[in-house]
Amino acid sequence: MIAARKEAQLTQATLAKFLKKPQSFVAKYENGERRLDVIEFLLVTRIIGISPCEILRKIEQEVSNISCKEDT
């Protein structure tokens, strides 16, 4: 999500403004201090201009890689 935001040339503050949230909202989910619910996730991806399916595929791949490493 961070890379997608940066690729869209948005700062945390700018993204937060579009979401009508404080900048700390974006910082907290980017730092893993909180999770986005489905509606928030869809709003963020729409503003960033990336497909939610693409992000989910990347997350699923990362989770799969982590679990494969734990199995060895």
N, C-alpha and C. Protein backbone atom coordinates (compact mmCIF):
# COMPACT_ATOMS: atom_id res chain seq x y z
N MET A 1 0.82 -1.18 0.00
CA MET A 1 0.00 0.00 0.00
C MET A 1 0.88 1.26 0.00
N ILE A 2 1.98 1.20 0.72
CA ILE A 2 2.88 2.36 0.77
C ILE A 2 3.44 2.64 -0.62
N ALA A 3 3.92 1.58 -1.27
CA ALA A 3 4.50 1.74 -2.61
C ALA A 3 3.45 2.28 -3.59
N ALA A 4 2.23 1.77 -3.50
CA ALA A 4 1.17 2.24 -4.39
C ALA A 4 0.85 3.71 -4.13
N ARG A 5 0.83 4.11 -2.86
CA ARG A 5 0.57 5.52 -2.53
C ARG A 5 1.67 6.40 -3.10
N LYS A 6 2.91 5.96 -2.90
CA LYS A 6 4.04 6.76 -3.40
C LYS A 6 4.05 6.81 -4.92
N GLU A 7 3.70 5.68 -5.56
CA GLU A 7 3.65 5.65 -7.01
C GLU A 7 2.59 6.61 -7.54
N ALA A 8 1.52 6.78 -6.77
CA ALA A 8 0.47 7.74 -7.13
C ALA A 8 0.88 9.17 -6.78
N GLN A 9 2.07 9.32 -6.24
CA GLN A 9 2.63 10.62 -5.86
C GLN A 9 1.75 11.34 -4.84
N LEU A 10 1.28 10.55 -3.86
CA LEU A 10 0.49 11.11 -2.77
C LEU A 10 1.26 11.00 -1.46
N THR A 11 1.22 12.05 -0.68
CA THR A 11 1.78 11.98 0.66
C THR A 11 0.72 11.38 1.59
N GLN A 12 1.14 10.98 2.77
CA GLN A 12 0.18 10.51 3.75
C GLN A 12 -0.85 11.60 4.04
N ALA A 13 -0.39 12.82 4.16
CA ALA A 13 -1.29 13.94 4.47
C ALA A 13 -2.31 14.16 3.37
N THR A 14 -1.88 14.08 2.12
CA THR A 14 -2.80 14.29 1.00
C THR A 14 -3.83 13.17 0.94
N LEU A 15 -3.38 11.93 1.09
CA LEU A 15 -4.30 10.80 1.09
C LEU A 15 -5.31 10.93 2.22
N ALA A 16 -4.81 11.30 3.40
CA ALA A 16 -5.69 11.47 4.55
C ALA A 16 -6.75 12.55 4.29
N LYS A 17 -6.34 13.61 3.63
CA LYS A 17 -7.28 14.70 3.31
C LYS A 17 -8.40 14.18 2.40
N PHE A 18 -8.06 13.38 1.39
CA PHE A 18 -9.07 12.79 0.52
C PHE A 18 -10.01 11.87 1.30
N LEU A 19 -9.46 11.17 2.30
CA LEU A 19 -10.25 10.25 3.12
C LEU A 19 -11.02 10.96 4.22
N LYS A 20 -10.73 12.26 4.40
CA LYS A 20 -11.33 13.05 5.50
C LYS A 20 -10.98 12.45 6.85
N LYS A 21 -9.69 12.08 6.96
CA LYS A 21 -9.15 11.50 8.19
C LYS A 21 -7.86 12.25 8.53
N PRO A 22 -7.39 12.12 9.78
CA PRO A 22 -6.09 12.72 10.11
C PRO A 22 -4.95 11.93 9.46
N GLN A 23 -3.83 12.59 9.28
CA GLN A 23 -2.65 11.93 8.69
C GLN A 23 -2.24 10.71 9.50
N SER A 24 -2.46 10.75 10.80
CA SER A 24 -2.09 9.62 11.65
C SER A 24 -2.87 8.35 11.29
N PHE A 25 -4.07 8.49 10.72
CA PHE A 25 -4.85 7.34 10.26
C PHE A 25 -4.06 6.56 9.22
N VAL A 26 -3.52 7.27 8.24
CA VAL A 26 -2.73 6.63 7.18
C VAL A 26 -1.44 6.07 7.76
N ALA A 27 -0.77 6.83 8.60
CA ALA A 27 0.48 6.37 9.20
C ALA A 27 0.27 5.09 10.00
N LYS A 28 -0.81 5.00 10.72
CA LYS A 28 -1.05 3.82 11.57
C LYS A 28 -1.30 2.57 10.75
N TYR A 29 -2.07 2.65 9.67
CA TYR A 29 -2.26 1.42 8.91
C TYR A 29 -1.01 1.09 8.09
N GLU A 30 -0.27 2.10 7.65
CA GLU A 30 0.96 1.81 6.92
C GLU A 30 2.04 1.22 7.84
N ASN A 31 2.02 1.58 9.10
CA ASN A 31 3.00 1.04 10.06
C ASN A 31 2.52 -0.25 10.73
N GLY A 32 1.33 -0.71 10.37
CA GLY A 32 0.81 -1.95 10.93
C GLY A 32 0.22 -1.81 12.33
N GLU A 33 -0.02 -0.58 12.75
CA GLU A 33 -0.60 -0.35 14.08
C GLU A 33 -2.12 -0.54 14.08
N ARG A 34 -2.72 -0.48 12.91
CA ARG A 34 -4.16 -0.73 12.78
C ARG A 34 -4.40 -1.35 11.42
N ARG A 35 -5.55 -1.94 11.27
CA ARG A 35 -5.93 -2.54 9.99
C ARG A 35 -7.10 -1.77 9.41
N LEU A 36 -7.19 -1.83 8.10
CA LEU A 36 -8.31 -1.20 7.41
C LEU A 36 -9.48 -2.17 7.34
N ASP A 37 -10.69 -1.65 7.51
CA ASP A 37 -11.83 -2.51 7.22
C ASP A 37 -12.04 -2.50 5.71
N VAL A 38 -12.96 -3.30 5.23
CA VAL A 38 -13.15 -3.47 3.79
C VAL A 38 -13.53 -2.15 3.11
N ILE A 39 -14.41 -1.40 3.71
CA ILE A 39 -14.83 -0.13 3.10
C ILE A 39 -13.66 0.84 3.03
N GLU A 40 -12.88 0.95 4.12
CA GLU A 40 -11.71 1.83 4.12
C GLU A 40 -10.71 1.38 3.05
N PHE A 41 -10.49 0.07 2.97
CA PHE A 41 -9.56 -0.48 1.98
C PHE A 41 -9.99 -0.09 0.56
N LEU A 42 -11.27 -0.25 0.27
CA LEU A 42 -11.76 0.09 -1.07
C LEU A 42 -11.64 1.58 -1.36
N LEU A 43 -11.89 2.42 -0.37
CA LEU A 43 -11.73 3.87 -0.55
C LEU A 43 -10.28 4.24 -0.82
N VAL A 44 -9.37 3.65 -0.05
CA VAL A 44 -7.93 3.94 -0.23
C VAL A 44 -7.49 3.52 -1.62
N THR A 45 -7.85 2.31 -2.05
CA THR A 45 -7.41 1.85 -3.37
C THR A 45 -8.00 2.71 -4.48
N ARG A 46 -9.24 3.17 -4.30
CA ARG A 46 -9.85 4.03 -5.31
C ARG A 46 -9.09 5.36 -5.42
N ILE A 47 -8.75 5.94 -4.28
CA ILE A 47 -8.03 7.22 -4.28
C ILE A 47 -6.63 7.06 -4.86
N ILE A 48 -5.96 5.97 -4.48
CA ILE A 48 -4.61 5.72 -4.98
C ILE A 48 -4.63 5.39 -6.48
N GLY A 49 -5.74 4.83 -6.94
CA GLY A 49 -5.86 4.49 -8.35
C GLY A 49 -5.31 3.12 -8.68
N ILE A 50 -5.43 2.19 -7.73
CA ILE A 50 -4.95 0.83 -7.95
C ILE A 50 -6.11 -0.14 -7.71
N SER A 51 -6.08 -1.24 -8.41
CA SER A 51 -7.13 -2.24 -8.27
C SER A 51 -7.02 -2.92 -6.90
N PRO A 52 -8.13 -3.02 -6.17
CA PRO A 52 -8.09 -3.72 -4.89
C PRO A 52 -7.67 -5.18 -5.07
N CYS A 53 -8.05 -5.77 -6.19
CA CYS A 53 -7.66 -7.17 -6.46
C CYS A 53 -6.15 -7.31 -6.60
N GLU A 54 -5.52 -6.33 -7.23
CA GLU A 54 -4.06 -6.36 -7.40
C GLU A 54 -3.37 -6.31 -6.04
N ILE A 55 -3.83 -5.43 -5.17
CA ILE A 55 -3.25 -5.33 -3.83
C ILE A 55 -3.46 -6.63 -3.07
N LEU A 56 -4.65 -7.19 -3.14
CA LEU A 56 -4.94 -8.44 -2.43
C LEU A 56 -4.07 -9.59 -2.94
N ARG A 57 -3.83 -9.63 -4.26
CA ARG A 57 -2.94 -10.66 -4.81
C ARG A 57 -1.54 -10.54 -4.22
N LYS A 58 -1.05 -9.32 -4.13
CA LYS A 58 0.29 -9.09 -3.57
C LYS A 58 0.35 -9.49 -2.10
N ILE A 59 -0.67 -9.14 -1.35
CA ILE A 59 -0.72 -9.49 0.07
C ILE A 59 -0.78 -11.01 0.22
N GLU A 60 -1.61 -11.66 -0.59
CA GLU A 60 -1.73 -13.12 -0.52
C GLU A 60 -0.40 -13.78 -0.83
N GLN A 61 0.32 -13.25 -1.80
CA GLN A 61 1.63 -13.80 -2.17
C GLN A 61 2.62 -13.64 -1.02
N GLU A 62 2.61 -12.48 -0.37
CA GLU A 62 3.50 -12.25 0.76
C GLU A 62 3.18 -13.20 1.91
N VAL A 63 1.89 -13.40 2.19
CA VAL A 63 1.48 -14.32 3.26
C VAL A 63 1.90 -15.74 2.92
N SER A 64 1.74 -16.11 1.67
CA SER A 64 2.12 -17.45 1.22
C SER A 64 3.62 -17.65 1.37
N ASN A 65 4.39 -16.64 1.02
CA ASN A 65 5.86 -16.73 1.15
C ASN A 65 6.27 -16.88 2.61
N ILE A 66 5.60 -16.17 3.51
CA ILE A 66 5.91 -16.26 4.93
C ILE A 66 5.59 -17.66 5.44
N SER A 67 4.43 -18.19 5.06
CA SER A 67 4.07 -19.50 5.57
C SER A 67 4.94 -20.60 4.97
N CYS A 68 5.41 -20.42 3.75
CA CYS A 68 6.33 -21.40 3.16
C CYS A 68 7.67 -21.40 3.91
N LYS A 69 8.14 -20.23 4.31
CA LYS A 69 9.40 -20.14 5.05
C LYS A 69 9.27 -20.79 6.43
N GLU A 70 8.11 -20.67 7.06
CA GLU A 70 7.90 -21.27 8.37
C GLU A 70 7.85 -22.78 8.29
N ASP A 71 7.45 -23.33 7.16
CA ASP A 71 7.34 -24.78 7.00
C ASP A 71 8.71 -25.44 6.85
N THR A 72 9.73 -24.68 6.49
CA THR A 72 11.06 -25.27 6.28
C THR A 72 11.86 -25.34 7.56
